[in-house]
Amino acid sequence: SGSIFGLDVRGWYRQAPGKQREFVAVIDSSGATIYADSVK
């Protein structure tokens, strides 16, 4: 919400306690997706 001009919401990351933020999944404008191996 807000000033969304030119905004591209792409996907998800996660951060477990005591760990670094890691990639989970992404979707591009064409609908193509990529997943982390741990959630595929």
ModelCIF file with pLDDT and N, C-alpha, C, O atoms, coordinates in Angstrom:
data_MODEL
#
_entry.id   MODEL 
#
_entity.id                         1 
_entity.type                       polymer 
_entity.pdbx_number_of_molecules   1 
#
_entity_poly.entity_id                      1 
_entity_poly.type                           'polypeptide(L)' 
_entity_poly.nstd_linkage                   no 
_entity_poly.nstd_monomer                   no 
_entity_poly.pdbx_seq_one_letter_code       SGSIFGLDVRGWYRQAPGKQREFVAVIDSSGATIYADSVK 
_entity_poly.pdbx_seq_one_letter_code_can   SGSIFGLDVRGWYRQAPGKQREFVAVIDSSGATIYADSVK 
_entity_poly.pdbx_strand_id                 A 
#
loop_
_entity_poly_seq.entity_id 
_entity_poly_seq.num 
_entity_poly_seq.mon_id 
_entity_poly_seq.hetero 
1 1  SER n 
1 2  GLY n 
1 3  SER n 
1 4  ILE n 
1 5  PHE n 
1 6  GLY n 
1 7  LEU n 
1 8  ASP n 
1 9  VAL n 
1 10 ARG n 
1 11 GLY n 
1 12 TRP n 
1 13 TYR n 
1 14 ARG n 
1 15 GLN n 
1 16 ALA n 
1 17 PRO n 
1 18 GLY n 
1 19 LYS n 
1 20 GLN n 
1 21 ARG n 
1 22 GLU n 
1 23 PHE n 
1 24 VAL n 
1 25 ALA n 
1 26 VAL n 
1 27 ILE n 
1 28 ASP n 
1 29 SER n 
1 30 SER n 
1 31 GLY n 
1 32 ALA n 
1 33 THR n 
1 34 ILE n 
1 35 TYR n 
1 36 ALA n 
1 37 ASP n 
1 38 SER n 
1 39 VAL n 
1 40 LYS n 
#
_struct_asym.id          A 
_struct_asym.entity_id   1 
#
loop_
_ma_qa_metric.id 
_ma_qa_metric.mode 
_ma_qa_metric.name 
_ma_qa_metric.software_group_id 
_ma_qa_metric.type 
1 global pLDDT . pLDDT 
2 local  pLDDT . pLDDT 
#
_ma_qa_metric_global.metric_id      1 
_ma_qa_metric_global.metric_value   92.25 
_ma_qa_metric_global.model_id       1 
_ma_qa_metric_global.ordinal_id     1 
#
loop_
_ma_qa_metric_local.label_asym_id 
_ma_qa_metric_local.label_comp_id 
_ma_qa_metric_local.label_seq_id 
_ma_qa_metric_local.metric_id 
_ma_qa_metric_local.metric_value 
_ma_qa_metric_local.model_id 
_ma_qa_metric_local.ordinal_id 
A SER 1  2 86.00 1 1  
A GLY 2  2 86.00 1 2  
A SER 3  2 83.00 1 3  
A ILE 4  2 82.00 1 4  
A PHE 5  2 83.00 1 5  
A GLY 6  2 85.00 1 6  
A LEU 7  2 84.00 1 7  
A ASP 8  2 84.00 1 8  
A VAL 9  2 84.00 1 9  
A ARG 10 2 86.00 1 10 
A GLY 11 2 91.00 1 11 
A TRP 12 2 97.00 1 12 
A TYR 13 2 97.00 1 13 
A ARG 14 2 98.00 1 14 
A GLN 15 2 97.00 1 15 
A ALA 16 2 96.00 1 16 
A PRO 17 2 92.00 1 17 
A GLY 18 2 94.00 1 18 
A LYS 19 2 96.00 1 19 
A GLN 20 2 97.00 1 20 
A ARG 21 2 96.00 1 21 
A GLU 22 2 97.00 1 22 
A PHE 23 2 97.00 1 23 
A VAL 24 2 98.00 1 24 
A ALA 25 2 97.00 1 25 
A VAL 26 2 95.00 1 26 
A ILE 27 2 93.00 1 27 
A ASP 28 2 88.00 1 28 
A SER 29 2 84.00 1 29 
A SER 30 2 87.00 1 30 
A GLY 31 2 89.00 1 31 
A ALA 32 2 93.00 1 32 
A THR 33 2 95.00 1 33 
A ILE 34 2 96.00 1 34 
A TYR 35 2 98.00 1 35 
A ALA 36 2 98.00 1 36 
A ASP 37 2 98.00 1 37 
A SER 38 2 97.00 1 38 
A VAL 39 2 98.00 1 39 
A LYS 40 2 98.00 1 40 
#
loop_
_atom_site.group_PDB 
_atom_site.id 
_atom_site.type_symbol 
_atom_site.label_atom_id 
_atom_site.label_alt_id 
_atom_site.label_comp_id 
_atom_site.label_asym_id 
_atom_site.label_entity_id 
_atom_site.label_seq_id 
_atom_site.pdbx_PDB_ins_code 
_atom_site.Cartn_x 
_atom_site.Cartn_y 
_atom_site.Cartn_z 
_atom_site.occupancy 
_atom_site.B_iso_or_equiv 
_atom_site.pdbx_formal_charge 
_atom_site.auth_seq_id 
_atom_site.auth_comp_id 
_atom_site.auth_asym_id 
_atom_site.auth_atom_id 
_atom_site.pdbx_PDB_model_num 
ATOM 1   N N  . SER A 1 1  ? 0.843  -1.186  0.000   1.00 86.00 ? 1  SER A N  1 
ATOM 2   C CA . SER A 1 1  ? 0.000  0.000   0.000   1.00 86.00 ? 1  SER A CA 1 
ATOM 3   C C  . SER A 1 1  ? 0.883  1.243   0.000   1.00 86.00 ? 1  SER A C  1 
ATOM 4   O O  . SER A 1 1  ? 2.090  1.167   0.229   1.00 86.00 ? 1  SER A O  1 
ATOM 5   N N  . GLY A 1 2  ? 0.267  2.366   -0.256  1.00 86.00 ? 2  GLY A N  1 
ATOM 6   C CA . GLY A 1 2  ? 1.028  3.611   -0.316  1.00 86.00 ? 2  GLY A CA 1 
ATOM 7   C C  . GLY A 1 2  ? 1.423  3.929   -1.744  1.00 86.00 ? 2  GLY A C  1 
ATOM 8   O O  . GLY A 1 2  ? 0.658  3.689   -2.678  1.00 86.00 ? 2  GLY A O  1 
ATOM 9   N N  . SER A 1 3  ? 2.603  4.460   -1.907  1.00 83.00 ? 3  SER A N  1 
ATOM 10  C CA . SER A 1 3  ? 3.084  4.864   -3.232  1.00 83.00 ? 3  SER A CA 1 
ATOM 11  C C  . SER A 1 3  ? 3.647  3.647   -3.951  1.00 83.00 ? 3  SER A C  1 
ATOM 12  O O  . SER A 1 3  ? 4.837  3.346   -3.852  1.00 83.00 ? 3  SER A O  1 
ATOM 13  N N  . ILE A 1 4  ? 2.782  2.958   -4.669  1.00 82.00 ? 4  ILE A N  1 
ATOM 14  C CA . ILE A 1 4  ? 3.169  1.671   -5.256  1.00 82.00 ? 4  ILE A CA 1 
ATOM 15  C C  . ILE A 1 4  ? 3.585  1.801   -6.713  1.00 82.00 ? 4  ILE A C  1 
ATOM 16  O O  . ILE A 1 4  ? 3.776  0.786   -7.383  1.00 82.00 ? 4  ILE A O  1 
ATOM 17  N N  . PHE A 1 5  ? 3.730  3.023   -7.224  1.00 83.00 ? 5  PHE A N  1 
ATOM 18  C CA . PHE A 1 5  ? 4.153  3.174   -8.616  1.00 83.00 ? 5  PHE A CA 1 
ATOM 19  C C  . PHE A 1 5  ? 5.528  2.569   -8.794  1.00 83.00 ? 5  PHE A C  1 
ATOM 20  O O  . PHE A 1 5  ? 6.449  2.873   -8.036  1.00 83.00 ? 5  PHE A O  1 
ATOM 21  N N  . GLY A 1 6  ? 5.670  1.716   -9.789  1.00 85.00 ? 6  GLY A N  1 
ATOM 22  C CA . GLY A 1 6  ? 6.957  1.094   -10.051 1.00 85.00 ? 6  GLY A CA 1 
ATOM 23  C C  . GLY A 1 6  ? 7.335  0.008   -9.064  1.00 85.00 ? 6  GLY A C  1 
ATOM 24  O O  . GLY A 1 6  ? 8.474  -0.459  -9.065  1.00 85.00 ? 6  GLY A O  1 
ATOM 25  N N  . LEU A 1 7  ? 6.392  -0.403  -8.218  1.00 84.00 ? 7  LEU A N  1 
ATOM 26  C CA . LEU A 1 7  ? 6.681  -1.415  -7.195  1.00 84.00 ? 7  LEU A CA 1 
ATOM 27  C C  . LEU A 1 7  ? 6.488  -2.817  -7.768  1.00 84.00 ? 7  LEU A C  1 
ATOM 28  O O  . LEU A 1 7  ? 5.525  -3.079  -8.490  1.00 84.00 ? 7  LEU A O  1 
ATOM 29  N N  . ASP A 1 8  ? 7.393  -3.689  -7.445  1.00 84.00 ? 8  ASP A N  1 
ATOM 30  C CA . ASP A 1 8  ? 7.310  -5.081  -7.861  1.00 84.00 ? 8  ASP A CA 1 
ATOM 31  C C  . ASP A 1 8  ? 7.466  -5.955  -6.619  1.00 84.00 ? 8  ASP A C  1 
ATOM 32  O O  . ASP A 1 8  ? 8.575  -6.145  -6.121  1.00 84.00 ? 8  ASP A O  1 
ATOM 33  N N  . VAL A 1 9  ? 6.350  -6.483  -6.125  1.00 84.00 ? 9  VAL A N  1 
ATOM 34  C CA . VAL A 1 9  ? 6.414  -7.401  -4.980  1.00 84.00 ? 9  VAL A CA 1 
ATOM 35  C C  . VAL A 1 9  ? 6.802  -8.761  -5.518  1.00 84.00 ? 9  VAL A C  1 
ATOM 36  O O  . VAL A 1 9  ? 6.139  -9.291  -6.410  1.00 84.00 ? 9  VAL A O  1 
ATOM 37  N N  . ARG A 1 10 ? 7.860  -9.323  -4.991  1.00 86.00 ? 10 ARG A N  1 
ATOM 38  C CA . ARG A 1 10 ? 8.457  -10.479 -5.647  1.00 86.00 ? 10 ARG A CA 1 
ATOM 39  C C  . ARG A 1 10 ? 8.327  -11.789 -4.885  1.00 86.00 ? 10 ARG A C  1 
ATOM 40  O O  . ARG A 1 10 ? 8.125  -12.835 -5.502  1.00 86.00 ? 10 ARG A O  1 
ATOM 41  N N  . GLY A 1 11 ? 8.437  -11.761 -3.577  1.00 91.00 ? 11 GLY A N  1 
ATOM 42  C CA . GLY A 1 11 ? 8.415  -13.060 -2.936  1.00 91.00 ? 11 GLY A CA 1 
ATOM 43  C C  . GLY A 1 11 ? 8.707  -13.007 -1.453  1.00 91.00 ? 11 GLY A C  1 
ATOM 44  O O  . GLY A 1 11 ? 8.419  -12.022 -0.773  1.00 91.00 ? 11 GLY A O  1 
ATOM 45  N N  . TRP A 1 12 ? 9.286  -14.091 -0.971  1.00 97.00 ? 12 TRP A N  1 
ATOM 46  C CA . TRP A 1 12 ? 9.411  -14.316 0.446   1.00 97.00 ? 12 TRP A CA 1 
ATOM 47  C C  . TRP A 1 12 ? 10.808 -14.742 0.877   1.00 97.00 ? 12 TRP A C  1 
ATOM 48  O O  . TRP A 1 12 ? 11.505 -15.486 0.188   1.00 97.00 ? 12 TRP A O  1 
ATOM 49  N N  . TYR A 1 13 ? 11.181 -14.241 2.035   1.00 97.00 ? 13 TYR A N  1 
ATOM 50  C CA . TYR A 1 13 ? 12.380 -14.669 2.737   1.00 97.00 ? 13 TYR A CA 1 
ATOM 51  C C  . TYR A 1 13 ? 11.960 -15.032 4.158   1.00 97.00 ? 13 TYR A C  1 
ATOM 52  O O  . TYR A 1 13 ? 10.842 -14.730 4.577   1.00 97.00 ? 13 TYR A O  1 
ATOM 53  N N  . ARG A 1 14 ? 12.848 -15.672 4.890   1.00 98.00 ? 14 ARG A N  1 
ATOM 54  C CA . ARG A 1 14 ? 12.555 -15.988 6.281   1.00 98.00 ? 14 ARG A CA 1 
ATOM 55  C C  . ARG A 1 14 ? 13.812 -15.902 7.127   1.00 98.00 ? 14 ARG A C  1 
ATOM 56  O O  . ARG A 1 14 ? 14.929 -16.036 6.627   1.00 98.00 ? 14 ARG A O  1 
ATOM 57  N N  . GLN A 1 15 ? 13.612 -15.677 8.413   1.00 97.00 ? 15 GLN A N  1 
ATOM 58  C CA . GLN A 1 15 ? 14.733 -15.610 9.348   1.00 97.00 ? 15 GLN A CA 1 
ATOM 59  C C  . GLN A 1 15 ? 14.364 -16.353 10.612  1.00 97.00 ? 15 GLN A C  1 
ATOM 60  O O  . GLN A 1 15 ? 13.464 -15.963 11.355  1.00 97.00 ? 15 GLN A O  1 
ATOM 61  N N  . ALA A 1 16 ? 15.095 -17.444 10.833  1.00 96.00 ? 16 ALA A N  1 
ATOM 62  C CA . ALA A 1 16 ? 14.900 -18.240 12.041  1.00 96.00 ? 16 ALA A CA 1 
ATOM 63  C C  . ALA A 1 16 ? 15.716 -17.632 13.170  1.00 96.00 ? 16 ALA A C  1 
ATOM 64  O O  . ALA A 1 16 ? 16.681 -16.911 12.919  1.00 96.00 ? 16 ALA A O  1 
ATOM 65  N N  . PRO A 1 17 ? 15.334 -17.918 14.422  1.00 92.00 ? 17 PRO A N  1 
ATOM 66  C CA . PRO A 1 17 ? 16.086 -17.366 15.563  1.00 92.00 ? 17 PRO A CA 1 
ATOM 67  C C  . PRO A 1 17 ? 17.564 -17.716 15.482  1.00 92.00 ? 17 PRO A C  1 
ATOM 68  O O  . PRO A 1 17 ? 17.929 -18.879 15.308  1.00 92.00 ? 17 PRO A O  1 
ATOM 69  N N  . GLY A 1 18 ? 18.402 -16.709 15.609  1.00 94.00 ? 18 GLY A N  1 
ATOM 70  C CA . GLY A 1 18 ? 19.835 -16.931 15.607  1.00 94.00 ? 18 GLY A CA 1 
ATOM 71  C C  . GLY A 1 18 ? 20.452 -17.195 14.247  1.00 94.00 ? 18 GLY A C  1 
ATOM 72  O O  . GLY A 1 18 ? 21.638 -17.512 14.154  1.00 94.00 ? 18 GLY A O  1 
ATOM 73  N N  . LYS A 1 19 ? 19.659 -17.067 13.192  1.00 96.00 ? 19 LYS A N  1 
ATOM 74  C CA . LYS A 1 19 ? 20.165 -17.345 11.841  1.00 96.00 ? 19 LYS A CA 1 
ATOM 75  C C  . LYS A 1 19 ? 19.980 -16.128 10.947  1.00 96.00 ? 19 LYS A C  1 
ATOM 76  O O  . LYS A 1 19 ? 19.240 -15.199 11.268  1.00 96.00 ? 19 LYS A O  1 
ATOM 77  N N  . GLN A 1 20 ? 20.674 -16.164 9.818   1.00 97.00 ? 20 GLN A N  1 
ATOM 78  C CA . GLN A 1 20 ? 20.546 -15.088 8.854   1.00 97.00 ? 20 GLN A CA 1 
ATOM 79  C C  . GLN A 1 20 ? 19.270 -15.253 8.037   1.00 97.00 ? 20 GLN A C  1 
ATOM 80  O O  . GLN A 1 20 ? 18.718 -16.346 7.909   1.00 97.00 ? 20 GLN A O  1 
ATOM 81  N N  . ARG A 1 21 ? 18.830 -14.136 7.497   1.00 96.00 ? 21 ARG A N  1 
ATOM 82  C CA . ARG A 1 21 ? 17.657 -14.185 6.628   1.00 96.00 ? 21 ARG A CA 1 
ATOM 83  C C  . ARG A 1 21 ? 17.999 -14.993 5.388   1.00 96.00 ? 21 ARG A C  1 
ATOM 84  O O  . ARG A 1 21 ? 19.084 -14.849 4.825   1.00 96.00 ? 21 ARG A O  1 
ATOM 85  N N  . GLU A 1 22 ? 17.060 -15.853 4.957   1.00 97.00 ? 22 GLU A N  1 
ATOM 86  C CA . GLU A 1 22 ? 17.321 -16.701 3.801   1.00 97.00 ? 22 GLU A CA 1 
ATOM 87  C C  . GLU A 1 22 ? 16.165 -16.630 2.820   1.00 97.00 ? 22 GLU A C  1 
ATOM 88  O O  . GLU A 1 22 ? 15.021 -16.344 3.173   1.00 97.00 ? 22 GLU A O  1 
ATOM 89  N N  . PHE A 1 23 ? 16.516 -16.903 1.580   1.00 97.00 ? 23 PHE A N  1 
ATOM 90  C CA . PHE A 1 23 ? 15.547 -16.895 0.494   1.00 97.00 ? 23 PHE A CA 1 
ATOM 91  C C  . PHE A 1 23 ? 14.595 -18.068 0.633   1.00 97.00 ? 23 PHE A C  1 
ATOM 92  O O  . PHE A 1 23 ? 15.008 -19.168 1.000   1.00 97.00 ? 23 PHE A O  1 
ATOM 93  N N  . VAL A 1 24 ? 13.301 -17.835 0.337   1.00 98.00 ? 24 VAL A N  1 
ATOM 94  C CA . VAL A 1 24 ? 12.306 -18.900 0.346   1.00 98.00 ? 24 VAL A CA 1 
ATOM 95  C C  . VAL A 1 24 ? 11.740 -19.123 -1.060  1.00 98.00 ? 24 VAL A C  1 
ATOM 96  O O  . VAL A 1 24 ? 11.824 -20.224 -1.605  1.00 98.00 ? 24 VAL A O  1 
ATOM 97  N N  . ALA A 1 25 ? 11.165 -18.071 -1.637  1.00 97.00 ? 25 ALA A N  1 
ATOM 98  C CA . ALA A 1 25 ? 10.521 -18.230 -2.946  1.00 97.00 ? 25 ALA A CA 1 
ATOM 99  C C  . ALA A 1 25 ? 10.351 -16.866 -3.596  1.00 97.00 ? 25 ALA A C  1 
ATOM 100 O O  . ALA A 1 25 ? 10.233 -15.845 -2.919  1.00 97.00 ? 25 ALA A O  1 
ATOM 101 N N  . VAL A 1 26 ? 10.340 -16.873 -4.926  1.00 95.00 ? 26 VAL A N  1 
ATOM 102 C CA . VAL A 1 26 ? 10.137 -15.643 -5.676  1.00 95.00 ? 26 VAL A CA 1 
ATOM 103 C C  . VAL A 1 26 ? 9.290  -15.934 -6.903  1.00 95.00 ? 26 VAL A C  1 
ATOM 104 O O  . VAL A 1 26 ? 9.332  -17.031 -7.461  1.00 95.00 ? 26 VAL A O  1 
ATOM 105 N N  . ILE A 1 27 ? 8.516  -14.925 -7.315  1.00 93.00 ? 27 ILE A N  1 
ATOM 106 C CA . ILE A 1 27 ? 7.709  -15.039 -8.532  1.00 93.00 ? 27 ILE A CA 1 
ATOM 107 C C  . ILE A 1 27 ? 7.939  -13.779 -9.355  1.00 93.00 ? 27 ILE A C  1 
ATOM 108 O O  . ILE A 1 27 ? 7.898  -12.671 -8.821  1.00 93.00 ? 27 ILE A O  1 
ATOM 109 N N  . ASP A 1 28 ? 8.180  -13.942 -10.652 1.00 88.00 ? 28 ASP A N  1 
ATOM 110 C CA . ASP A 1 28 ? 8.423  -12.759 -11.469 1.00 88.00 ? 28 ASP A CA 1 
ATOM 111 C C  . ASP A 1 28 ? 7.142  -12.332 -12.177 1.00 88.00 ? 28 ASP A C  1 
ATOM 112 O O  . ASP A 1 28 ? 6.087  -12.940 -11.996 1.00 88.00 ? 28 ASP A O  1 
ATOM 113 N N  . SER A 1 29 ? 7.244  -11.292 -12.975 1.00 84.00 ? 29 SER A N  1 
ATOM 114 C CA . SER A 1 29 ? 6.062  -10.705 -13.608 1.00 84.00 ? 29 SER A CA 1 
ATOM 115 C C  . SER A 1 29 ? 5.389  -11.652 -14.595 1.00 84.00 ? 29 SER A C  1 
ATOM 116 O O  . SER A 1 29 ? 4.205  -11.505 -14.897 1.00 84.00 ? 29 SER A O  1 
ATOM 117 N N  . SER A 1 30 ? 6.156  -12.634 -15.100 1.00 87.00 ? 30 SER A N  1 
ATOM 118 C CA . SER A 1 30 ? 5.572  -13.592 -16.036 1.00 87.00 ? 30 SER A CA 1 
ATOM 119 C C  . SER A 1 30 ? 4.935  -14.773 -15.318 1.00 87.00 ? 30 SER A C  1 
ATOM 120 O O  . SER A 1 30 ? 4.294  -15.620 -15.940 1.00 87.00 ? 30 SER A O  1 
ATOM 121 N N  . GLY A 1 31 ? 5.120  -14.820 -14.000 1.00 89.00 ? 31 GLY A N  1 
ATOM 122 C CA . GLY A 1 31 ? 4.592  -15.941 -13.235 1.00 89.00 ? 31 GLY A CA 1 
ATOM 123 C C  . GLY A 1 31 ? 5.594  -17.048 -12.990 1.00 89.00 ? 31 GLY A C  1 
ATOM 124 O O  . GLY A 1 31 ? 5.273  -18.038 -12.332 1.00 89.00 ? 31 GLY A O  1 
ATOM 125 N N  . ALA A 1 32 ? 6.792  -16.900 -13.502 1.00 93.00 ? 32 ALA A N  1 
ATOM 126 C CA . ALA A 1 32 ? 7.819  -17.907 -13.262 1.00 93.00 ? 32 ALA A CA 1 
ATOM 127 C C  . ALA A 1 32 ? 8.246  -17.862 -11.799 1.00 93.00 ? 32 ALA A C  1 
ATOM 128 O O  . ALA A 1 32 ? 8.341  -16.790 -11.202 1.00 93.00 ? 32 ALA A O  1 
ATOM 129 N N  . THR A 1 33 ? 8.499  -19.033 -11.234 1.00 95.00 ? 33 THR A N  1 
ATOM 130 C CA . THR A 1 33 ? 8.817  -19.128 -9.809  1.00 95.00 ? 33 THR A CA 1 
ATOM 131 C C  . THR A 1 33 ? 10.146 -19.844 -9.581  1.00 95.00 ? 33 THR A C  1 
ATOM 132 O O  . THR A 1 33 ? 10.582 -20.673 -10.379 1.00 95.00 ? 33 THR A O  1 
ATOM 133 N N  . ILE A 1 34 ? 10.763 -19.494 -8.475  1.00 96.00 ? 34 ILE A N  1 
ATOM 134 C CA . ILE A 1 34 ? 11.970 -20.162 -8.015  1.00 96.00 ? 34 ILE A CA 1 
ATOM 135 C C  . ILE A 1 34 ? 11.801 -20.417 -6.526  1.00 96.00 ? 34 ILE A C  1 
ATOM 136 O O  . ILE A 1 34 ? 11.285 -19.573 -5.794  1.00 96.00 ? 34 ILE A O  1 
ATOM 137 N N  . TYR A 1 35 ? 12.240 -21.588 -6.088  1.00 98.00 ? 35 TYR A N  1 
ATOM 138 C CA . TYR A 1 35 ? 12.105 -21.955 -4.681  1.00 98.00 ? 35 TYR A CA 1 
ATOM 139 C C  . TYR A 1 35 ? 13.445 -22.383 -4.101  1.00 98.00 ? 35 TYR A C  1 
ATOM 140 O O  . TYR A 1 35 ? 14.313 -22.900 -4.804  1.00 98.00 ? 35 TYR A O  1 
ATOM 141 N N  . ALA A 1 36 ? 13.587 -22.157 -2.819  1.00 98.00 ? 36 ALA A N  1 
ATOM 142 C CA . ALA A 1 36 ? 14.719 -22.735 -2.108  1.00 98.00 ? 36 ALA A CA 1 
ATOM 143 C C  . ALA A 1 36 ? 14.537 -24.247 -2.077  1.00 98.00 ? 36 ALA A C  1 
ATOM 144 O O  . ALA A 1 36 ? 13.412 -24.741 -2.011  1.00 98.00 ? 36 ALA A O  1 
ATOM 145 N N  . ASP A 1 37 ? 15.638 -24.974 -2.124  1.00 98.00 ? 37 ASP A N  1 
ATOM 146 C CA . ASP A 1 37 ? 15.560 -26.436 -2.129  1.00 98.00 ? 37 ASP A CA 1 
ATOM 147 C C  . ASP A 1 37 ? 14.809 -26.958 -0.904  1.00 98.00 ? 37 ASP A C  1 
ATOM 148 O O  . ASP A 1 37 ? 14.122 -27.977 -0.977  1.00 98.00 ? 37 ASP A O  1 
ATOM 149 N N  . SER A 1 38 ? 14.944 -26.260 0.210   1.00 97.00 ? 38 SER A N  1 
ATOM 150 C CA . SER A 1 38 ? 14.352 -26.736 1.460   1.00 97.00 ? 38 SER A CA 1 
ATOM 151 C C  . SER A 1 38 ? 12.823 -26.685 1.460   1.00 97.00 ? 38 SER A C  1 
ATOM 152 O O  . SER A 1 38 ? 12.184 -27.342 2.281   1.00 97.00 ? 38 SER A O  1 
ATOM 153 N N  . VAL A 1 39 ? 12.234 -25.914 0.550   1.00 98.00 ? 39 VAL A N  1 
ATOM 154 C CA . VAL A 1 39 ? 10.770 -25.792 0.539   1.00 98.00 ? 39 VAL A CA 1 
ATOM 155 C C  . VAL A 1 39 ? 10.155 -26.303 -0.757  1.00 98.00 ? 39 VAL A C  1 
ATOM 156 O O  . VAL A 1 39 ? 8.931  -26.353 -0.883  1.00 98.00 ? 39 VAL A O  1 
ATOM 157 N N  . LYS A 1 40 ? 10.986 -26.680 -1.716  1.00 98.00 ? 40 LYS A N  1 
ATOM 158 C CA . LYS A 1 40 ? 10.491 -27.123 -3.013  1.00 98.00 ? 40 LYS A CA 1 
ATOM 159 C C  . LYS A 1 40 ? 9.560  -28.306 -2.843  1.00 98.00 ? 40 LYS A C  1 
ATOM 160 O O  . LYS A 1 40 ? 9.036  -28.827 -3.828  1.00 98.00 ? 40 LYS A O  1 
#
